[in-house]
Amino acid sequence: MPRGHEGVGSADGAHAEAAEAGAHRSVSTGTLAACPDALLAKILSHASVHGRLLSRVVSRAWRASADEPATWEHVHITEYTCSDLGLFVSGLTSLAERSLGSTTTLRIPVIPAHRVEALLAHCGSVSHLSIDVPDGEGGAHHSDYVIAAVSKASPPHLRHLKHALPPSLLDSDERYHRSSLRALAKSCPNLRSLDFSLPAPCDVAVHR
């Protein structure tokens, strides 16, 4: 067959494949568009935090579902997502203002105590709160008054608080004395468990 005819055949095949792919995309788009907003929000809630944020740029419908409180019922952020702590905190606060009003489980790396208080002001439904502190300079110095900040915020539904402290903050640490814990218990009457344990075994005894 002449080369010119080969080119036409190849082009026809490419057009056919493109049309078929377009049909599949149309079916997928139509199917998702037909999903009730609550169902789409439930589906997105199983994506990673990064995935949920990216879904906001897919379409207006996805953006609306991505901003639904139901999409953010559980939020787990285990590390800083950028090197600029101020930028990270601003992004987290913006997310809280927009979508975390119904969040029940919140896990974040430690941020300055006053920003913890401001963040929790937008997360009134939190029942499980975990604030991780990496050992070393990555954030340990921000842990000084985190418990006091949680006390001031007084999350009304808080039942479980985990604040994993690195070993460098446990030796001779007087910040978490009885008066601080008493104030925490008074401001969070539904608190049932308080956990200062570390994710990995260590020889440091936590006696408070």
C-alpha atoms as a PDB file:
ATOM      1  CA  MET A   1       0.000   0.000   0.000  1.00  0.00           C
ATOM      2  CA  PRO A   2       1.360   3.465  -0.830  1.00  0.00           C
ATOM      3  CA  ARG A   3       2.763   5.422   2.028  1.00  0.00           C
ATOM      4  CA  GLY A   4       0.094   8.100   1.656  1.00  0.00           C
ATOM      5  CA  HIS A   5      -2.633   5.548   2.222  1.00  0.00           C
ATOM      6  CA  GLU A   6      -0.849   4.298   5.329  1.00  0.00           C
ATOM      7  CA  GLY A   7      -0.945   7.825   6.709  1.00  0.00           C
ATOM      8  CA  VAL A   8      -4.664   8.155   6.085  1.00  0.00           C
ATOM      9  CA  GLY A   9      -5.329   4.811   7.725  1.00  0.00           C
ATOM     10  CA  SER A  10      -3.253   5.782  10.732  1.00  0.00           C
ATOM     11  CA  ALA A  11      -5.056   9.110  11.006  1.00  0.00           C
ATOM     12  CA  ASP A  12      -8.433   7.386  10.802  1.00  0.00           C
ATOM     13  CA  GLY A  13      -7.380   5.003  13.535  1.00  0.00           C
ATOM     14  CA  ALA A  14      -6.189   7.860  15.706  1.00  0.00           C
ATOM     15  CA  HIS A  15      -9.477   9.713  15.188  1.00  0.00           C
ATOM     16  CA  ALA A  16     -11.435   6.587  16.081  1.00  0.00           C
ATOM     17  CA  GLU A  17      -9.405   6.073  19.255  1.00  0.00           C
ATOM     18  CA  ALA A  18      -9.841   9.730  20.203  1.00  0.00           C
ATOM     19  CA  ALA A  19     -13.598   9.516  19.646  1.00  0.00           C
ATOM     20  CA  GLU A  20     -13.800   6.364  21.749  1.00  0.00           C
ATOM     21  CA  ALA A  21     -11.758   7.971  24.545  1.00  0.00           C
ATOM     22  CA  GLY A  22     -13.982  11.042  24.364  1.00  0.00           C
ATOM     23  CA  ALA A  23     -17.051   8.863  24.707  1.00  0.00           C
ATOM     24  CA  HIS A  24     -15.578   7.200  27.794  1.00  0.00           C
ATOM     25  CA  ARG A  25     -14.774  10.602  29.269  1.00  0.00           C
ATOM     26  CA  SER A  26     -18.316  11.804  28.566  1.00  0.00           C
ATOM     27  CA  VAL A  27     -19.783   8.764  30.282  1.00  0.00           C
ATOM     28  CA  SER A  28     -17.509   9.213  33.300  1.00  0.00           C
ATOM     29  CA  THR A  29     -18.203  12.927  33.539  1.00  0.00           C
ATOM     30  CA  GLY A  30     -21.936  12.380  33.185  1.00  0.00           C
ATOM     31  CA  THR A  31     -21.915   9.658  35.821  1.00  0.00           C
ATOM     32  CA  LEU A  32     -20.055  11.820  38.323  1.00  0.00           C
ATOM     33  CA  ALA A  33     -22.202  14.831  37.536  1.00  0.00           C
ATOM     34  CA  ALA A  34     -25.269  12.724  38.273  1.00  0.00           C
ATOM     35  CA  CYS A  35     -23.959  11.832  41.750  1.00  0.00           C
ATOM     36  CA  PRO A  36     -25.730  13.636  44.582  1.00  0.00           C
ATOM     37  CA  ASP A  37     -23.502  16.241  46.206  1.00  0.00           C
ATOM     38  CA  ALA A  38     -23.507  14.305  49.479  1.00  0.00           C
ATOM     39  CA  LEU A  39     -22.306  11.139  47.724  1.00  0.00           C
ATOM     40  CA  LEU A  40     -19.530  12.950  45.856  1.00  0.00           C
ATOM     41  CA  ALA A  41     -18.427  14.571  49.124  1.00  0.00           C
ATOM     42  CA  LYS A  42     -18.338  11.127  50.751  1.00  0.00           C
ATOM     43  CA  ILE A  43     -16.201   9.766  47.902  1.00  0.00           C
ATOM     44  CA  LEU A  44     -13.788  12.704  48.135  1.00  0.00           C
ATOM     45  CA  SER A  45     -13.537  12.281  51.903  1.00  0.00           C
ATOM     46  CA  HIS A  46     -11.557   9.068  51.304  1.00  0.00           C
ATOM     47  CA  ALA A  47      -8.927  10.871  49.232  1.00  0.00           C
ATOM     48  CA  SER A  48      -5.745  12.278  50.732  1.00  0.00           C
ATOM     49  CA  VAL A  49      -5.768  15.876  51.957  1.00  0.00           C
ATOM     50  CA  HIS A  50      -3.707  16.802  48.889  1.00  0.00           C
ATOM     51  CA  GLY A  51      -6.165  14.982  46.632  1.00  0.00           C
ATOM     52  CA  ARG A  52      -9.133  16.755  48.181  1.00  0.00           C
ATOM     53  CA  LEU A  53      -7.479  20.114  47.631  1.00  0.00           C
ATOM     54  CA  LEU A  54      -6.671  19.255  44.009  1.00  0.00           C
ATOM     55  CA  SER A  55     -10.277  18.198  43.387  1.00  0.00           C
ATOM     56  CA  ARG A  56     -11.316  21.834  43.910  1.00  0.00           C
ATOM     57  CA  VAL A  57      -9.876  22.760  40.498  1.00  0.00           C
ATOM     58  CA  VAL A  58     -11.640  20.009  38.493  1.00  0.00           C
ATOM     59  CA  SER A  59     -14.951  21.805  38.045  1.00  0.00           C
ATOM     60  CA  ARG A  60     -17.398  24.033  39.876  1.00  0.00           C
ATOM     61  CA  ALA A  61     -19.412  21.029  41.019  1.00  0.00           C
ATOM     62  CA  TRP A  62     -16.304  19.315  42.395  1.00  0.00           C
ATOM     63  CA  ARG A  63     -15.172  22.523  44.046  1.00  0.00           C
ATOM     64  CA  ALA A  64     -18.520  22.805  45.820  1.00  0.00           C
ATOM     65  CA  SER A  65     -18.311  19.169  46.963  1.00  0.00           C
ATOM     66  CA  ALA A  66     -14.657  19.541  47.984  1.00  0.00           C
ATOM     67  CA  ASP A  67     -15.633  22.461  50.220  1.00  0.00           C
ATOM     68  CA  GLU A  68     -18.463  20.535  51.864  1.00  0.00           C
ATOM     69  CA  PRO A  69     -17.807  19.887  55.586  1.00  0.00           C
ATOM     70  CA  ALA A  70     -18.602  16.194  55.042  1.00  0.00           C
ATOM     71  CA  THR A  71     -15.538  15.929  52.796  1.00  0.00           C
ATOM     72  CA  TRP A  72     -13.336  16.931  55.724  1.00  0.00           C
ATOM     73  CA  GLU A  73     -14.772  14.823  58.552  1.00  0.00           C
ATOM     74  CA  HIS A  74     -11.333  13.242  59.082  1.00  0.00           C
ATOM     75  CA  VAL A  75      -8.142  15.238  58.459  1.00  0.00           C
ATOM     76  CA  HIS A  76      -4.676  13.698  58.877  1.00  0.00           C
ATOM     77  CA  ILE A  77      -1.676  15.902  58.102  1.00  0.00           C
ATOM     78  CA  THR A  78       1.419  14.160  59.427  1.00  0.00           C
ATOM     79  CA  GLU A  79       4.106  16.594  58.292  1.00  0.00           C
ATOM     80  CA  TYR A  80       4.649  20.138  57.105  1.00  0.00           C
ATOM     81  CA  THR A  81       3.698  20.352  53.437  1.00  0.00           C
ATOM     82  CA  CYS A  82       6.075  23.228  52.682  1.00  0.00           C
ATOM     83  CA  SER A  83       9.317  24.592  54.090  1.00  0.00           C
ATOM     84  CA  ASP A  84       7.736  27.931  55.044  1.00  0.00           C
ATOM     85  CA  LEU A  85       5.916  27.342  58.342  1.00  0.00           C
ATOM     86  CA  GLY A  86       4.040  30.633  58.078  1.00  0.00           C
ATOM     87  CA  LEU A  87       2.696  29.683  54.650  1.00  0.00           C
ATOM     88  CA  PHE A  88       1.717  26.235  55.934  1.00  0.00           C
ATOM     89  CA  VAL A  89      -0.164  27.704  58.899  1.00  0.00           C
ATOM     90  CA  SER A  90      -1.940  30.255  56.691  1.00  0.00           C
ATOM     91  CA  GLY A  91      -3.087  27.521  54.318  1.00  0.00           C
ATOM     92  CA  LEU A  92      -4.245  25.338  57.196  1.00  0.00           C
ATOM     93  CA  THR A  93      -6.163  28.221  58.781  1.00  0.00           C
ATOM     94  CA  SER A  94      -7.797  29.074  55.468  1.00  0.00           C
ATOM     95  CA  LEU A  95      -8.868  25.450  55.075  1.00  0.00           C
ATOM     96  CA  ALA A  96     -10.281  25.445  58.605  1.00  0.00           C
ATOM     97  CA  GLU A  97     -12.295  28.602  57.994  1.00  0.00           C
ATOM     98  CA  ARG A  98     -13.723  27.166  54.776  1.00  0.00           C
ATOM     99  CA  SER A  99     -14.309  23.475  55.475  1.00  0.00           C
ATOM    100  CA  LEU A 100     -13.340  22.100  58.906  1.00  0.00           C
ATOM    101  CA  GLY A 101     -16.420  23.106  60.859  1.00  0.00           C
ATOM    102  CA  SER A 102     -17.653  19.500  61.000  1.00  0.00           C
ATOM    103  CA  THR A 103     -14.268  17.786  61.314  1.00  0.00           C
ATOM    104  CA  THR A 104     -14.284  15.186  64.084  1.00  0.00           C
ATOM    105  CA  THR A 105     -10.744  13.798  63.758  1.00  0.00           C
ATOM    106  CA  LEU A 106      -7.863  16.230  63.319  1.00  0.00           C
ATOM    107  CA  ARG A 107      -4.167  15.372  63.220  1.00  0.00           C
ATOM    108  CA  ILE A 108      -1.605  18.073  62.510  1.00  0.00           C
ATOM    109  CA  PRO A 109       2.081  18.742  63.106  1.00  0.00           C
ATOM    110  CA  VAL A 110       2.711  21.271  65.850  1.00  0.00           C
ATOM    111  CA  ILE A 111       2.235  24.948  65.009  1.00  0.00           C
ATOM    112  CA  PRO A 112       2.645  28.039  67.222  1.00  0.00           C
ATOM    113  CA  ALA A 113       0.286  27.829  70.193  1.00  0.00           C
ATOM    114  CA  HIS A 114      -1.708  30.956  69.359  1.00  0.00           C
ATOM    115  CA  ARG A 115      -2.377  29.543  65.889  1.00  0.00           C
ATOM    116  CA  VAL A 116      -3.575  26.290  67.483  1.00  0.00           C
ATOM    117  CA  GLU A 117      -6.131  28.301  69.446  1.00  0.00           C
ATOM    118  CA  ALA A 118      -7.250  30.188  66.311  1.00  0.00           C
ATOM    119  CA  LEU A 119      -7.453  26.952  64.322  1.00  0.00           C
ATOM    120  CA  LEU A 120      -9.610  25.191  66.912  1.00  0.00           C
ATOM    121  CA  ALA A 121     -11.987  28.157  66.930  1.00  0.00           C
ATOM    122  CA  HIS A 122     -13.063  26.982  63.451  1.00  0.00           C
ATOM    123  CA  CYS A 123     -13.156  23.275  64.369  1.00  0.00           C
ATOM    124  CA  GLY A 124     -15.940  23.134  66.910  1.00  0.00           C
ATOM    125  CA  SER A 125     -16.830  19.480  66.236  1.00  0.00           C
ATOM    126  CA  VAL A 126     -13.390  17.979  66.880  1.00  0.00           C
ATOM    127  CA  SER A 127     -13.528  15.002  69.231  1.00  0.00           C
ATOM    128  CA  HIS A 128     -10.128  13.451  68.461  1.00  0.00           C
ATOM    129  CA  LEU A 129      -7.168  15.829  68.296  1.00  0.00           C
ATOM    130  CA  SER A 130      -3.581  14.789  67.680  1.00  0.00           C
ATOM    131  CA  ILE A 131      -0.705  17.282  67.574  1.00  0.00           C
ATOM    132  CA  ASP A 132       2.648  15.785  66.603  1.00  0.00           C
ATOM    133  CA  VAL A 133       5.973  17.302  67.539  1.00  0.00           C
ATOM    134  CA  PRO A 134       9.009  16.226  65.510  1.00  0.00           C
ATOM    135  CA  ASP A 135      12.204  15.919  67.521  1.00  0.00           C
ATOM    136  CA  GLY A 136      14.855  18.541  66.854  1.00  0.00           C
ATOM    137  CA  GLU A 137      14.383  22.014  65.401  1.00  0.00           C
ATOM    138  CA  GLY A 138      11.532  21.027  63.103  1.00  0.00           C
ATOM    139  CA  GLY A 139       8.871  22.292  65.483  1.00  0.00           C
ATOM    140  CA  ALA A 140       9.677  21.291  69.064  1.00  0.00           C
ATOM    141  CA  HIS A 141      10.091  24.911  70.153  1.00  0.00           C
ATOM    142  CA  HIS A 142       6.433  25.572  69.282  1.00  0.00           C
ATOM    143  CA  SER A 143       5.218  22.996  71.815  1.00  0.00           C
ATOM    144  CA  ASP A 144       5.704  25.209  74.879  1.00  0.00           C
ATOM    145  CA  TYR A 145       2.095  26.257  75.337  1.00  0.00           C
ATOM    146  CA  VAL A 146       0.074  23.934  73.124  1.00  0.00           C
ATOM    147  CA  ILE A 147      -1.873  22.446  76.033  1.00  0.00           C
ATOM    148  CA  ALA A 148      -2.661  25.955  77.292  1.00  0.00           C
ATOM    149  CA  ALA A 149      -3.853  26.904  73.795  1.00  0.00           C
ATOM    150  CA  VAL A 150      -6.177  23.892  73.675  1.00  0.00           C
ATOM    151  CA  SER A 151      -7.502  24.877  77.101  1.00  0.00           C
ATOM    152  CA  LYS A 152      -8.244  28.405  75.911  1.00  0.00           C
ATOM    153  CA  ALA A 153      -9.948  27.164  72.753  1.00  0.00           C
ATOM    154  CA  SER A 154     -12.105  24.820  74.876  1.00  0.00           C
ATOM    155  CA  PRO A 155     -13.300  22.497  72.074  1.00  0.00           C
ATOM    156  CA  PRO A 156     -16.723  21.452  73.431  1.00  0.00           C
ATOM    157  CA  HIS A 157     -16.683  17.927  71.964  1.00  0.00           C
ATOM    158  CA  LEU A 158     -13.020  17.046  72.563  1.00  0.00           C
ATOM    159  CA  ARG A 159     -12.740  13.550  74.024  1.00  0.00           C
ATOM    160  CA  HIS A 160      -9.249  12.398  73.068  1.00  0.00           C
ATOM    161  CA  LEU A 161      -6.086  14.502  72.955  1.00  0.00           C
ATOM    162  CA  LYS A 162      -2.748  13.109  71.801  1.00  0.00           C
ATOM    163  CA  HIS A 163       0.300  15.323  71.926  1.00  0.00           C
ATOM    164  CA  ALA A 164       3.369  13.228  71.143  1.00  0.00           C
ATOM    165  CA  LEU A 165       6.387  14.915  72.658  1.00  0.00           C
ATOM    166  CA  PRO A 166       9.950  14.147  71.550  1.00  0.00           C
ATOM    167  CA  PRO A 167      12.357  12.901  74.240  1.00  0.00           C
ATOM    168  CA  SER A 168      14.142  16.259  74.281  1.00  0.00           C
ATOM    169  CA  LEU A 169      11.032  17.836  75.828  1.00  0.00           C
ATOM    170  CA  LEU A 170      10.276  15.136  78.381  1.00  0.00           C
ATOM    171  CA  ASP A 171      13.346  15.338  80.621  1.00  0.00           C
ATOM    172  CA  SER A 172      12.910  17.910  83.391  1.00  0.00           C
ATOM    173  CA  ASP A 173       9.881  19.271  81.591  1.00  0.00           C
ATOM    174  CA  GLU A 174       7.715  21.370  83.949  1.00  0.00           C
ATOM    175  CA  ARG A 175       5.304  22.772  81.384  1.00  0.00           C
ATOM    176  CA  TYR A 176       2.777  19.978  81.785  1.00  0.00           C
ATOM    177  CA  HIS A 177       2.356  20.253  85.540  1.00  0.00           C
ATOM    178  CA  ARG A 178      -0.822  19.526  87.439  1.00  0.00           C
ATOM    179  CA  SER A 179      -2.315  23.004  87.202  1.00  0.00           C
ATOM    180  CA  SER A 180      -2.106  22.936  83.383  1.00  0.00           C
ATOM    181  CA  LEU A 181      -3.799  19.556  83.215  1.00  0.00           C
ATOM    182  CA  ARG A 182      -6.411  20.666  85.738  1.00  0.00           C
ATOM    183  CA  ALA A 183      -7.186  23.721  83.592  1.00  0.00           C
ATOM    184  CA  LEU A 184      -7.423  21.497  80.529  1.00  0.00           C
ATOM    185  CA  ALA A 185      -9.849  19.148  82.271  1.00  0.00           C
ATOM    186  CA  LYS A 186     -12.004  22.069  83.411  1.00  0.00           C
ATOM    187  CA  SER A 187     -12.171  23.710  79.973  1.00  0.00           C
ATOM    188  CA  CYS A 188     -12.802  20.394  78.152  1.00  0.00           C
ATOM    189  CA  PRO A 189     -15.318  18.546  80.340  1.00  0.00           C
ATOM    190  CA  ASN A 190     -15.807  15.742  77.788  1.00  0.00           C
ATOM    191  CA  LEU A 191     -12.086  14.874  77.689  1.00  0.00           C
ATOM    192  CA  ARG A 192     -11.632  11.171  78.416  1.00  0.00           C
ATOM    193  CA  SER A 193      -8.049  10.434  77.408  1.00  0.00           C
ATOM    194  CA  LEU A 194      -4.778  12.335  77.295  1.00  0.00           C
ATOM    195  CA  ASP A 195      -1.815  10.743  75.559  1.00  0.00           C
ATOM    196  CA  PHE A 196       1.762  12.028  75.639  1.00  0.00           C
ATOM    197  CA  SER A 197       3.265   8.800  74.329  1.00  0.00           C
ATOM    198  CA  LEU A 198       5.771   8.610  71.506  1.00  0.00           C
ATOM    199  CA  PRO A 199       5.152   6.700  68.260  1.00  0.00           C
ATOM    200  CA  ALA A 200       8.288   4.593  68.864  1.00  0.00           C
ATOM    201  CA  PRO A 201       9.471   2.943  72.102  1.00  0.00           C
ATOM    202  CA  CYS A 202      11.964   4.938  74.128  1.00  0.00           C
ATOM    203  CA  ASP A 203      13.522   4.831  77.589  1.00  0.00           C
ATOM    204  CA  VAL A 204      12.037   8.120  78.756  1.00  0.00           C
ATOM    205  CA  ALA A 205       9.381   7.708  81.469  1.00  0.00           C
ATOM    206  CA  VAL A 206       6.336   9.946  81.133  1.00  0.00           C
ATOM    207  CA  HIS A 207       5.112  10.198  84.718  1.00  0.00           C
ATOM    208  CA  ARG A 208       2.507  12.929  84.382  1.00  0.00           C
END
